[in-house]
Amino acid sequence: MTRTVTRAQLSESVYQEVGLSRNESADLVESVLQEVADSLVQGETVKLSSFGSFSVRQKGGRMGRNPKTGEEVPIKPRRVLVFRPSHVLKERINKSMAALKLKTGEAAD
């Protein structure tokens, strides 16, 4: 089962954990997300300890191919957002996946 975490859920978590009012929690989450976005727009790297880093990378133009028609089409240069998880986050994810496999009876890889 996949689940998407929303801004409202993040705000609710801040409210539950920190004890700010719901409005203050929502404002705090919004401020943090705005700061991250503004930094990325300016081309800065955003590093969150034990979580990962976000950065913007410039991709050059190239020729691509329409998979339906096979026609060559130019792809313009663009900036793309890149997320690199920290080793701490990777280990945590892999441990939870291993525990889930044990729980469901799947063979470990």
N, C-alpha and C. Protein backbone atom coordinates (compact mmCIF):
# COMPACT_ATOMS: atom_id res chain seq x y z
N MET A 1 0.84 -1.17 0.00
CA MET A 1 0.00 0.00 0.00
C MET A 1 0.89 1.24 0.00
N THR A 2 0.67 2.12 -0.95
CA THR A 2 1.44 3.36 -1.00
C THR A 2 0.62 4.50 -0.42
N ARG A 3 1.32 5.41 0.20
CA ARG A 3 0.67 6.55 0.83
C ARG A 3 1.47 7.80 0.50
N THR A 4 0.79 8.88 0.30
CA THR A 4 1.44 10.15 0.03
C THR A 4 1.29 11.03 1.26
N VAL A 5 2.39 11.62 1.70
CA VAL A 5 2.37 12.52 2.84
C VAL A 5 2.11 13.93 2.31
N THR A 6 1.12 14.60 2.86
CA THR A 6 0.74 15.94 2.41
C THR A 6 1.26 17.02 3.37
N ARG A 7 1.15 18.25 2.94
CA ARG A 7 1.51 19.39 3.80
C ARG A 7 0.67 19.37 5.07
N ALA A 8 -0.62 19.07 4.91
CA ALA A 8 -1.51 19.03 6.07
C ALA A 8 -1.04 17.98 7.08
N GLN A 9 -0.60 16.83 6.60
CA GLN A 9 -0.11 15.79 7.50
C GLN A 9 1.20 16.21 8.16
N LEU A 10 2.07 16.88 7.41
CA LEU A 10 3.30 17.39 8.03
C LEU A 10 2.97 18.40 9.11
N SER A 11 2.04 19.29 8.83
CA SER A 11 1.63 20.29 9.82
C SER A 11 1.04 19.63 11.06
N GLU A 12 0.24 18.61 10.85
CA GLU A 12 -0.37 17.89 11.97
C GLU A 12 0.71 17.21 12.82
N SER A 13 1.73 16.64 12.17
CA SER A 13 2.84 16.01 12.90
C SER A 13 3.59 17.03 13.74
N VAL A 14 3.84 18.21 13.17
CA VAL A 14 4.50 19.28 13.93
C VAL A 14 3.63 19.67 15.12
N TYR A 15 2.34 19.81 14.88
CA TYR A 15 1.40 20.14 15.96
C TYR A 15 1.46 19.11 17.08
N GLN A 16 1.46 17.82 16.73
CA GLN A 16 1.48 16.74 17.72
C GLN A 16 2.81 16.67 18.47
N GLU A 17 3.92 16.82 17.74
CA GLU A 17 5.24 16.62 18.33
C GLU A 17 5.79 17.85 19.05
N VAL A 18 5.56 19.04 18.50
CA VAL A 18 6.18 20.25 19.03
C VAL A 18 5.27 20.99 19.99
N GLY A 19 3.97 20.91 19.73
CA GLY A 19 3.04 21.58 20.63
C GLY A 19 2.68 23.00 20.22
N LEU A 20 3.06 23.40 19.01
CA LEU A 20 2.60 24.70 18.51
C LEU A 20 1.12 24.58 18.17
N SER A 21 0.47 25.69 17.98
CA SER A 21 -0.93 25.64 17.54
C SER A 21 -0.97 25.08 16.12
N ARG A 22 -2.14 24.68 15.69
CA ARG A 22 -2.26 24.13 14.32
C ARG A 22 -1.86 25.19 13.29
N ASN A 23 -2.29 26.43 13.50
CA ASN A 23 -1.93 27.50 12.55
C ASN A 23 -0.43 27.77 12.55
N GLU A 24 0.18 27.80 13.74
CA GLU A 24 1.63 28.01 13.82
C GLU A 24 2.38 26.85 13.18
N SER A 25 1.88 25.64 13.37
CA SER A 25 2.51 24.46 12.77
C SER A 25 2.45 24.53 11.25
N ALA A 26 1.29 24.91 10.73
CA ALA A 26 1.13 25.03 9.28
C ALA A 26 2.05 26.12 8.74
N ASP A 27 2.15 27.24 9.45
CA ASP A 27 3.04 28.33 9.03
C ASP A 27 4.50 27.90 9.04
N LEU A 28 4.89 27.13 10.06
CA LEU A 28 6.27 26.65 10.16
C LEU A 28 6.60 25.72 8.99
N VAL A 29 5.73 24.77 8.71
CA VAL A 29 5.96 23.84 7.58
C VAL A 29 6.05 24.64 6.28
N GLU A 30 5.14 25.57 6.09
CA GLU A 30 5.13 26.38 4.88
C GLU A 30 6.42 27.19 4.76
N SER A 31 6.90 27.76 5.86
CA SER A 31 8.15 28.54 5.85
C SER A 31 9.35 27.67 5.47
N VAL A 32 9.42 26.49 6.03
CA VAL A 32 10.53 25.58 5.73
C VAL A 32 10.51 25.20 4.25
N LEU A 33 9.35 24.81 3.74
CA LEU A 33 9.25 24.42 2.33
C LEU A 33 9.56 25.60 1.41
N GLN A 34 9.14 26.78 1.78
CA GLN A 34 9.41 27.97 0.97
C GLN A 34 10.91 28.27 0.94
N GLU A 35 11.56 28.13 2.08
CA GLU A 35 13.01 28.37 2.16
C GLU A 35 13.77 27.37 1.29
N VAL A 36 13.37 26.11 1.35
CA VAL A 36 14.00 25.08 0.53
C VAL A 36 13.82 25.42 -0.95
N ALA A 37 12.58 25.73 -1.35
CA ALA A 37 12.30 26.05 -2.75
C ALA A 37 13.08 27.28 -3.21
N ASP A 38 13.10 28.33 -2.40
CA ASP A 38 13.82 29.56 -2.77
C ASP A 38 15.31 29.29 -2.96
N SER A 39 15.88 28.49 -2.08
CA SER A 39 17.30 28.16 -2.19
C SER A 39 17.59 27.39 -3.47
N LEU A 40 16.72 26.45 -3.82
CA LEU A 40 16.91 25.66 -5.04
C LEU A 40 16.77 26.53 -6.29
N VAL A 41 15.82 27.45 -6.28
CA VAL A 41 15.63 28.35 -7.41
C VAL A 41 16.90 29.18 -7.64
N GLN A 42 17.58 29.55 -6.55
CA GLN A 42 18.82 30.34 -6.64
C GLN A 42 20.03 29.47 -7.00
N GLY A 43 19.81 28.16 -7.17
CA GLY A 43 20.90 27.27 -7.57
C GLY A 43 21.71 26.73 -6.41
N GLU A 44 21.25 26.94 -5.19
CA GLU A 44 21.96 26.46 -4.01
C GLU A 44 21.61 24.99 -3.75
N THR A 45 22.48 24.29 -3.06
CA THR A 45 22.21 22.93 -2.62
C THR A 45 21.63 22.98 -1.22
N VAL A 46 20.61 22.17 -0.98
CA VAL A 46 19.98 22.11 0.33
C VAL A 46 20.32 20.75 0.94
N LYS A 47 21.06 20.75 2.05
CA LYS A 47 21.45 19.52 2.72
C LYS A 47 20.72 19.40 4.04
N LEU A 48 20.04 18.29 4.24
CA LEU A 48 19.34 18.01 5.49
C LEU A 48 20.03 16.80 6.13
N SER A 49 20.71 17.05 7.24
CA SER A 49 21.49 16.02 7.90
C SER A 49 20.66 14.77 8.17
N SER A 50 21.21 13.62 7.89
CA SER A 50 20.59 12.31 8.08
C SER A 50 19.37 12.08 7.21
N PHE A 51 19.14 12.96 6.22
CA PHE A 51 18.02 12.79 5.30
C PHE A 51 18.53 12.75 3.87
N GLY A 52 19.17 13.82 3.42
CA GLY A 52 19.70 13.85 2.06
C GLY A 52 19.92 15.26 1.59
N SER A 53 20.24 15.39 0.31
CA SER A 53 20.47 16.72 -0.24
C SER A 53 19.71 16.89 -1.55
N PHE A 54 19.23 18.11 -1.74
CA PHE A 54 18.54 18.49 -2.95
C PHE A 54 19.44 19.45 -3.70
N SER A 55 19.53 19.30 -5.01
CA SER A 55 20.30 20.24 -5.81
C SER A 55 19.67 20.36 -7.19
N VAL A 56 20.04 21.42 -7.89
CA VAL A 56 19.56 21.64 -9.24
C VAL A 56 20.73 21.42 -10.18
N ARG A 57 20.50 20.64 -11.21
CA ARG A 57 21.56 20.31 -12.17
C ARG A 57 21.15 20.80 -13.55
N GLN A 58 22.09 21.32 -14.28
CA GLN A 58 21.84 21.79 -15.65
C GLN A 58 22.05 20.63 -16.60
N LYS A 59 21.05 20.35 -17.43
CA LYS A 59 21.18 19.31 -18.46
C LYS A 59 21.27 20.01 -19.81
N GLY A 60 22.17 19.56 -20.61
CA GLY A 60 22.36 20.14 -21.93
C GLY A 60 21.29 19.68 -22.91
N GLY A 61 21.20 20.39 -24.00
CA GLY A 61 20.27 20.00 -25.05
C GLY A 61 20.78 18.76 -25.76
N ARG A 62 19.87 18.02 -26.37
CA ARG A 62 20.25 16.82 -27.11
C ARG A 62 19.13 16.44 -28.07
N MET A 63 19.42 15.50 -28.90
CA MET A 63 18.39 14.98 -29.80
C MET A 63 17.75 13.76 -29.14
N GLY A 64 16.43 13.76 -29.12
CA GLY A 64 15.69 12.63 -28.59
C GLY A 64 14.90 11.99 -29.70
N ARG A 65 14.14 10.96 -29.35
CA ARG A 65 13.36 10.26 -30.35
C ARG A 65 11.96 10.03 -29.81
N ASN A 66 10.95 10.38 -30.60
CA ASN A 66 9.56 10.10 -30.24
C ASN A 66 9.38 8.59 -30.31
N PRO A 67 9.07 7.94 -29.17
CA PRO A 67 8.99 6.47 -29.18
C PRO A 67 7.85 5.93 -30.05
N LYS A 68 6.84 6.74 -30.26
CA LYS A 68 5.68 6.29 -31.05
C LYS A 68 5.97 6.31 -32.55
N THR A 69 6.60 7.40 -33.00
CA THR A 69 6.82 7.58 -34.44
C THR A 69 8.26 7.32 -34.85
N GLY A 70 9.20 7.33 -33.92
CA GLY A 70 10.61 7.17 -34.25
C GLY A 70 11.24 8.46 -34.75
N GLU A 71 10.46 9.53 -34.83
CA GLU A 71 10.95 10.81 -35.32
C GLU A 71 11.91 11.44 -34.31
N GLU A 72 13.02 11.99 -34.83
CA GLU A 72 13.97 12.69 -33.96
C GLU A 72 13.43 14.06 -33.61
N VAL A 73 13.54 14.42 -32.34
CA VAL A 73 13.08 15.73 -31.88
C VAL A 73 14.14 16.33 -30.97
N PRO A 74 14.35 17.64 -31.07
CA PRO A 74 15.34 18.27 -30.17
C PRO A 74 14.77 18.42 -28.76
N ILE A 75 15.61 18.16 -27.77
CA ILE A 75 15.25 18.38 -26.37
C ILE A 75 16.09 19.56 -25.90
N LYS A 76 15.40 20.59 -25.42
CA LYS A 76 16.06 21.83 -25.02
C LYS A 76 16.86 21.63 -23.73
N PRO A 77 17.89 22.47 -23.54
CA PRO A 77 18.60 22.45 -22.25
C PRO A 77 17.63 22.83 -21.13
N ARG A 78 17.82 22.24 -19.96
CA ARG A 78 16.92 22.52 -18.85
C ARG A 78 17.61 22.26 -17.52
N ARG A 79 16.98 22.75 -16.47
CA ARG A 79 17.45 22.49 -15.11
C ARG A 79 16.56 21.43 -14.50
N VAL A 80 17.17 20.48 -13.81
CA VAL A 80 16.40 19.40 -13.18
C VAL A 80 16.74 19.32 -11.70
N LEU A 81 15.75 18.94 -10.91
CA LEU A 81 15.93 18.78 -9.47
C LEU A 81 16.43 17.37 -9.19
N VAL A 82 17.46 17.29 -8.37
CA VAL A 82 18.06 16.00 -8.02
C VAL A 82 18.02 15.84 -6.50
N PHE A 83 17.60 14.66 -6.04
CA PHE A 83 17.63 14.34 -4.61
C PHE A 83 18.56 13.17 -4.41
N ARG A 84 19.51 13.33 -3.49
CA ARG A 84 20.43 12.24 -3.14
C ARG A 84 20.22 11.92 -1.66
N PRO A 85 19.67 10.75 -1.38
CA PRO A 85 19.43 10.39 0.02
C PRO A 85 20.75 10.16 0.76
N SER A 86 20.74 10.45 2.05
CA SER A 86 21.93 10.19 2.88
C SER A 86 22.05 8.70 3.11
N HIS A 87 23.24 8.27 3.52
CA HIS A 87 23.42 6.84 3.82
C HIS A 87 22.55 6.42 5.00
N VAL A 88 22.29 7.34 5.92
CA VAL A 88 21.43 7.04 7.08
C VAL A 88 20.01 6.72 6.61
N LEU A 89 19.48 7.52 5.70
CA LEU A 89 18.14 7.29 5.17
C LEU A 89 18.09 5.99 4.36
N LYS A 90 19.12 5.76 3.54
CA LYS A 90 19.16 4.52 2.75
C LYS A 90 19.15 3.29 3.64
N GLU A 91 19.97 3.32 4.70
CA GLU A 91 20.01 2.18 5.62
C GLU A 91 18.67 1.97 6.30
N ARG A 92 18.04 3.06 6.71
CA ARG A 92 16.74 2.97 7.38
C ARG A 92 15.68 2.36 6.45
N ILE A 93 15.68 2.80 5.20
CA ILE A 93 14.73 2.26 4.22
C ILE A 93 14.99 0.78 3.98
N ASN A 94 16.25 0.42 3.81
CA ASN A 94 16.59 -0.98 3.55
C ASN A 94 16.27 -1.87 4.74
N LYS A 95 16.47 -1.38 5.95
CA LYS A 95 16.13 -2.17 7.14
C LYS A 95 14.63 -2.38 7.23
N SER A 96 13.85 -1.35 6.91
CA SER A 96 12.40 -1.50 6.98
C SER A 96 11.90 -2.45 5.91
N MET A 97 12.53 -2.44 4.74
CA MET A 97 12.15 -3.37 3.67
C MET A 97 12.48 -4.81 4.07
N ALA A 98 13.63 -5.01 4.70
CA ALA A 98 14.02 -6.35 5.14
C ALA A 98 13.05 -6.85 6.21
N ALA A 99 12.66 -5.98 7.13
CA ALA A 99 11.72 -6.36 8.18
C ALA A 99 10.36 -6.68 7.58
N LEU A 100 9.95 -5.93 6.58
CA LEU A 100 8.68 -6.18 5.92
C LEU A 100 8.69 -7.52 5.20
N LYS A 101 9.80 -7.84 4.54
CA LYS A 101 9.92 -9.13 3.86
C LYS A 101 9.84 -10.28 4.85
N LEU A 102 10.51 -10.13 6.01
CA LEU A 102 10.45 -11.18 7.03
C LEU A 102 9.03 -11.34 7.54
N LYS A 103 8.37 -10.23 7.73
CA LYS A 103 7.00 -10.24 8.26
C LYS A 103 6.03 -10.92 7.29
N THR A 104 6.22 -10.68 6.00
CA THR A 104 5.32 -11.25 5.00
C THR A 104 5.76 -12.63 4.52
N GLY A 105 6.95 -13.07 4.96
CA GLY A 105 7.43 -14.40 4.62
C GLY A 105 8.15 -14.49 3.30
N GLU A 106 8.50 -13.36 2.71
CA GLU A 106 9.25 -13.39 1.46
C GLU A 106 10.70 -13.73 1.74
N ALA A 107 11.35 -14.32 0.75
CA ALA A 107 12.77 -14.66 0.89
C ALA A 107 13.59 -13.38 0.84
N ALA A 108 14.61 -13.32 1.67
CA ALA A 108 15.51 -12.16 1.69
C ALA A 108 16.42 -12.23 0.47
N ASP A 109 16.73 -11.06 -0.12
CA ASP A 109 17.61 -11.02 -1.29
C ASP A 109 19.05 -11.08 -0.87
